[in-house]
Amino acid sequence: MGAPRLAAYCSLLGATLACGTNKPELPPGLERPEHCVAVGYPDGPYGTEPGAVIRNACFSGFRAPHRVAHTPEGLEPIALSDYHDPEGDAVRLLVLNTAALWCAACRIEHESLPRYLEPLRPRGLVFLSAVFQDERHEPADFDDLVLWIETFDTRFPIVLDPGYSFGLYASAETAPLNLVVDPKTMTILAKFVGDQPAVMWPFVEAELAKRSAP
């Protein structure tokens, strides 16, 4: 299903999804994503701008949403620390992204993501997206996450962030947010606020080239 059909699809499903008025109770652990501690994760000082180490955070979501059933029981714990790779062997570059159902720029971005990600994943790029609000600017729930995944046929790790922990880095109104992170040190290399593909993807490609050079 294409991005332009998202609003119509939401209206059609009505109260069975978050676009209705009776939002289902969130499964335990989804209400308030929190910062978390992982052994070996880089120490601070933590910050929110390029040059600072990004603080670890824990979520629930799907690592490979195209390969599993989209049920609450299938949710997996996912943390930023999962992508910390001090040797840079498995993950050469990490991009952290935010999305909201009300956000037209987010829909445009996710519609175009496959053509950017498919050639870059084999080079060590990992893309992690967090859905944080529904179409009414309310905290996203499980049904919102599934709607987003099925609308865009998501094939990369995606999580719920109903507490908008990424609000440390940019306000909700400026979504999408993309943070480019060095997985060796978890240092923020660049911050892109709003949909900026003409600037962001050349930067990502240049950083990957640096990391693949002998």
Protein backbone atom coordinates (compact mmCIF):
# COMPACT_ATOMS: atom_id res chain seq x y z
CA MET A 1 0.00 0.00 0.00
CA GLY A 2 1.44 3.40 -1.00
CA ALA A 3 1.89 6.38 1.27
CA PRO A 4 -0.92 8.45 -0.29
CA ARG A 5 -3.41 5.81 0.85
CA LEU A 6 -2.40 5.96 4.52
CA ALA A 7 -5.09 8.41 5.62
CA ALA A 8 -7.84 6.64 3.71
CA TYR A 9 -6.74 3.27 5.05
CA CYS A 10 -6.80 4.66 8.58
CA SER A 11 -10.33 5.98 8.15
CA LEU A 12 -11.51 2.69 6.69
CA LEU A 13 -10.26 0.65 9.62
CA GLY A 14 -11.75 3.09 12.10
CA ALA A 15 -11.81 2.12 15.76
CA THR A 16 -9.84 -1.06 15.22
CA LEU A 17 -6.71 1.07 14.89
CA ALA A 18 -5.30 4.13 16.58
CA CYS A 19 -7.20 6.39 14.19
CA GLY A 20 -10.34 5.52 16.17
CA THR A 21 -11.21 7.10 19.46
CA ASN A 22 -10.84 4.01 21.65
CA LYS A 23 -7.14 3.30 21.54
CA PRO A 24 -6.23 -0.14 22.88
CA GLU A 25 -4.19 -0.44 26.03
CA LEU A 26 -0.49 -0.64 25.30
CA PRO A 27 1.26 -3.93 26.08
CA PRO A 28 3.53 -3.77 29.15
CA GLY A 29 6.82 -2.05 28.48
CA LEU A 30 5.59 0.20 25.67
CA GLU A 31 4.15 3.01 27.74
CA ARG A 32 7.38 4.80 28.62
CA PRO A 33 10.54 3.95 26.67
CA GLU A 34 13.41 4.71 28.99
CA HIS A 35 17.12 5.22 28.86
CA CYS A 36 18.84 1.97 29.69
CA VAL A 37 22.25 0.70 30.64
CA ALA A 38 24.28 -1.80 28.62
CA VAL A 39 27.64 -3.26 29.58
CA GLY A 40 30.33 -1.83 27.35
CA TYR A 41 28.25 1.02 25.98
CA PRO A 42 30.36 4.19 25.62
CA ASP A 43 30.45 6.55 28.56
CA GLY A 44 29.41 10.15 28.18
CA PRO A 45 29.45 13.01 28.21
CA TYR A 46 26.19 12.42 26.40
CA GLY A 47 24.66 15.11 24.26
CA THR A 48 22.22 15.91 21.51
CA GLU A 49 24.38 17.56 18.86
CA PRO A 50 27.05 16.30 16.46
CA GLY A 51 30.24 15.40 18.31
CA ALA A 52 28.41 14.09 21.39
CA VAL A 53 27.79 10.46 22.36
CA ILE A 54 24.14 9.49 22.02
CA ARG A 55 22.58 8.14 25.19
CA ASN A 56 21.39 4.53 25.05
CA ALA A 57 17.62 4.01 24.88
CA CYS A 58 15.41 0.91 24.94
CA PHE A 59 12.27 0.24 22.89
CA SER A 60 9.99 -2.54 21.67
CA GLY A 61 9.57 -3.28 18.00
CA PHE A 62 10.50 -5.60 15.15
CA ARG A 63 14.05 -6.21 13.92
CA ALA A 64 12.87 -7.69 10.62
CA PRO A 65 9.20 -6.72 10.25
CA HIS A 66 8.92 -8.27 6.78
CA ARG A 67 9.79 -11.71 8.17
CA VAL A 68 7.55 -11.99 11.25
CA ALA A 69 3.87 -11.83 12.16
CA HIS A 70 2.84 -8.39 13.36
CA THR A 71 1.44 -9.39 16.74
CA PRO A 72 2.11 -7.96 20.20
CA GLU A 73 3.65 -11.29 21.15
CA GLY A 74 6.17 -10.85 18.35
CA LEU A 75 7.55 -7.58 19.68
CA GLU A 76 11.24 -7.68 20.54
CA PRO A 77 13.29 -5.52 22.89
CA ILE A 78 15.52 -3.28 20.81
CA ALA A 79 18.12 -0.89 22.22
CA LEU A 80 20.51 1.54 20.61
CA SER A 81 23.27 -0.44 22.30
CA ASP A 82 22.38 -3.40 20.05
CA TYR A 83 24.05 -1.49 17.22
CA HIS A 84 27.19 -0.47 19.12
CA ASP A 85 29.99 -2.17 17.16
CA PRO A 86 33.42 -1.14 18.50
CA GLU A 87 35.22 -2.95 15.70
CA GLY A 88 32.93 -1.67 12.96
CA ASP A 89 32.65 -5.16 11.49
CA ALA A 90 28.89 -5.71 11.33
CA VAL A 91 27.68 -2.10 11.52
CA ARG A 92 29.71 0.56 9.76
CA LEU A 93 27.16 3.37 10.03
CA LEU A 94 23.90 3.80 11.93
CA VAL A 95 21.02 6.10 11.00
CA LEU A 96 18.33 6.74 13.62
CA ASN A 97 15.05 8.04 12.22
CA THR A 98 11.72 9.27 13.61
CA ALA A 99 8.29 9.03 11.99
CA ALA A 100 4.72 10.01 12.86
CA LEU A 101 1.45 9.17 11.13
CA TRP A 102 0.48 12.85 10.85
CA CYS A 103 3.81 13.74 9.23
CA ALA A 104 3.58 14.18 5.45
CA ALA A 105 7.37 14.55 5.15
CA CYS A 106 7.80 11.26 7.04
CA ARG A 107 5.50 9.48 4.61
CA ILE A 108 7.39 10.89 1.63
CA GLU A 109 10.67 9.83 3.20
CA HIS A 110 9.57 6.26 3.97
CA GLU A 111 8.08 5.85 0.51
CA SER A 112 11.50 6.60 -1.00
CA LEU A 113 13.69 4.78 1.53
CA PRO A 114 14.06 1.46 -0.35
CA ARG A 115 15.96 3.04 -3.25
CA TYR A 116 18.46 4.54 -0.80
CA LEU A 117 18.78 1.62 1.60
CA GLU A 118 18.99 -1.34 -0.76
CA PRO A 119 22.42 -0.44 -2.22
CA LEU A 120 23.80 0.80 1.12
CA ARG A 121 22.86 -2.06 3.46
CA PRO A 122 25.48 -4.41 1.96
CA ARG A 123 28.07 -1.72 2.73
CA GLY A 124 27.25 -1.82 6.45
CA LEU A 125 24.48 0.76 6.87
CA VAL A 126 21.84 0.04 9.53
CA PHE A 127 18.66 2.13 9.53
CA LEU A 128 16.47 2.16 12.67
CA SER A 129 13.15 4.04 12.67
CA ALA A 130 10.93 4.99 15.63
CA VAL A 131 7.20 5.70 15.23
CA PHE A 132 6.22 8.16 17.95
CA GLN A 133 2.81 9.77 17.25
CA ASP A 134 -0.45 8.91 15.48
CA GLU A 135 -2.39 11.10 13.05
CA ARG A 136 -3.82 13.12 15.96
CA HIS A 137 -0.40 13.91 17.43
CA GLU A 138 -1.09 11.48 20.28
CA PRO A 139 1.42 8.83 21.41
CA ALA A 140 1.65 6.01 18.89
CA ASP A 141 0.48 2.55 19.89
CA PHE A 142 0.97 -0.96 18.56
CA ASP A 143 -1.69 -0.62 15.86
CA ASP A 144 -0.05 2.57 14.61
CA LEU A 145 3.24 0.73 14.32
CA VAL A 146 1.64 -2.10 12.34
CA LEU A 147 -0.19 0.35 10.08
CA TRP A 148 3.07 2.11 9.29
CA ILE A 149 4.92 -1.15 8.63
CA GLU A 150 2.22 -2.50 6.33
CA THR A 151 1.76 0.79 4.49
CA PHE A 152 5.44 1.04 3.57
CA ASP A 153 6.37 -2.65 3.55
CA THR A 154 9.10 -1.85 6.08
CA ARG A 155 12.17 -4.08 5.82
CA PHE A 156 14.46 -2.59 8.46
CA PRO A 157 14.33 -2.41 12.28
CA ILE A 158 11.43 -0.30 13.51
CA VAL A 159 10.24 0.45 17.05
CA LEU A 160 7.58 2.28 19.00
CA ASP A 161 8.55 5.47 20.82
CA PRO A 162 5.25 6.69 22.36
CA GLY A 163 7.15 8.70 24.99
CA TYR A 164 9.13 10.36 22.18
CA SER A 165 12.54 9.80 23.71
CA PHE A 166 14.02 11.22 20.51
CA GLY A 167 12.48 14.52 21.54
CA LEU A 168 15.83 15.15 23.22
CA TYR A 169 17.23 15.78 19.75
CA ALA A 170 14.45 17.65 17.94
CA SER A 171 10.87 18.74 18.57
CA ALA A 172 8.03 16.59 17.27
CA GLU A 173 6.83 19.34 14.95
CA THR A 174 10.06 19.22 12.93
CA ALA A 175 9.82 15.49 12.07
CA PRO A 176 11.36 13.56 10.53
CA LEU A 177 14.62 13.54 12.43
CA ASN A 178 17.63 11.59 11.17
CA LEU A 179 20.71 11.12 13.32
CA VAL A 180 23.81 9.66 11.67
CA VAL A 181 25.81 7.81 14.32
CA ASP A 182 29.28 6.22 14.37
CA PRO A 183 28.62 2.69 15.72
CA LYS A 184 32.19 2.36 17.01
CA THR A 185 31.80 5.21 19.49
CA MET A 186 28.04 5.97 19.29
CA THR A 187 28.99 9.55 18.53
CA ILE A 188 26.52 11.67 16.59
CA LEU A 189 28.11 12.56 13.27
CA ALA A 190 25.26 14.63 11.83
CA LYS A 191 21.71 15.68 12.56
CA PHE A 192 19.15 16.24 9.80
CA VAL A 193 15.87 17.85 10.86
CA GLY A 194 13.07 17.53 8.35
CA ASP A 195 13.23 15.54 5.13
CA GLN A 196 16.62 16.40 3.57
CA PRO A 197 17.51 13.56 1.19
CA ALA A 198 19.61 15.74 -1.10
CA VAL A 199 21.92 16.54 1.80
CA MET A 200 21.67 13.47 4.03
CA TRP A 201 22.27 10.62 1.59
CA PRO A 202 25.46 12.07 0.06
CA PHE A 203 26.74 12.52 3.61
CA VAL A 204 25.86 8.90 4.46
CA GLU A 205 27.54 7.61 1.31
CA ALA A 206 30.69 9.63 2.01
CA GLU A 207 30.87 8.30 5.58
CA LEU A 208 30.42 4.72 4.37
CA ALA A 209 33.19 5.26 1.82
CA LYS A 210 35.54 6.36 4.59
CA ARG A 211 34.76 3.23 6.59
CA SER A 212 35.21 0.84 3.69
CA ALA A 213 38.53 2.31 2.56
CA PRO A 214 41.60 0.08 3.20
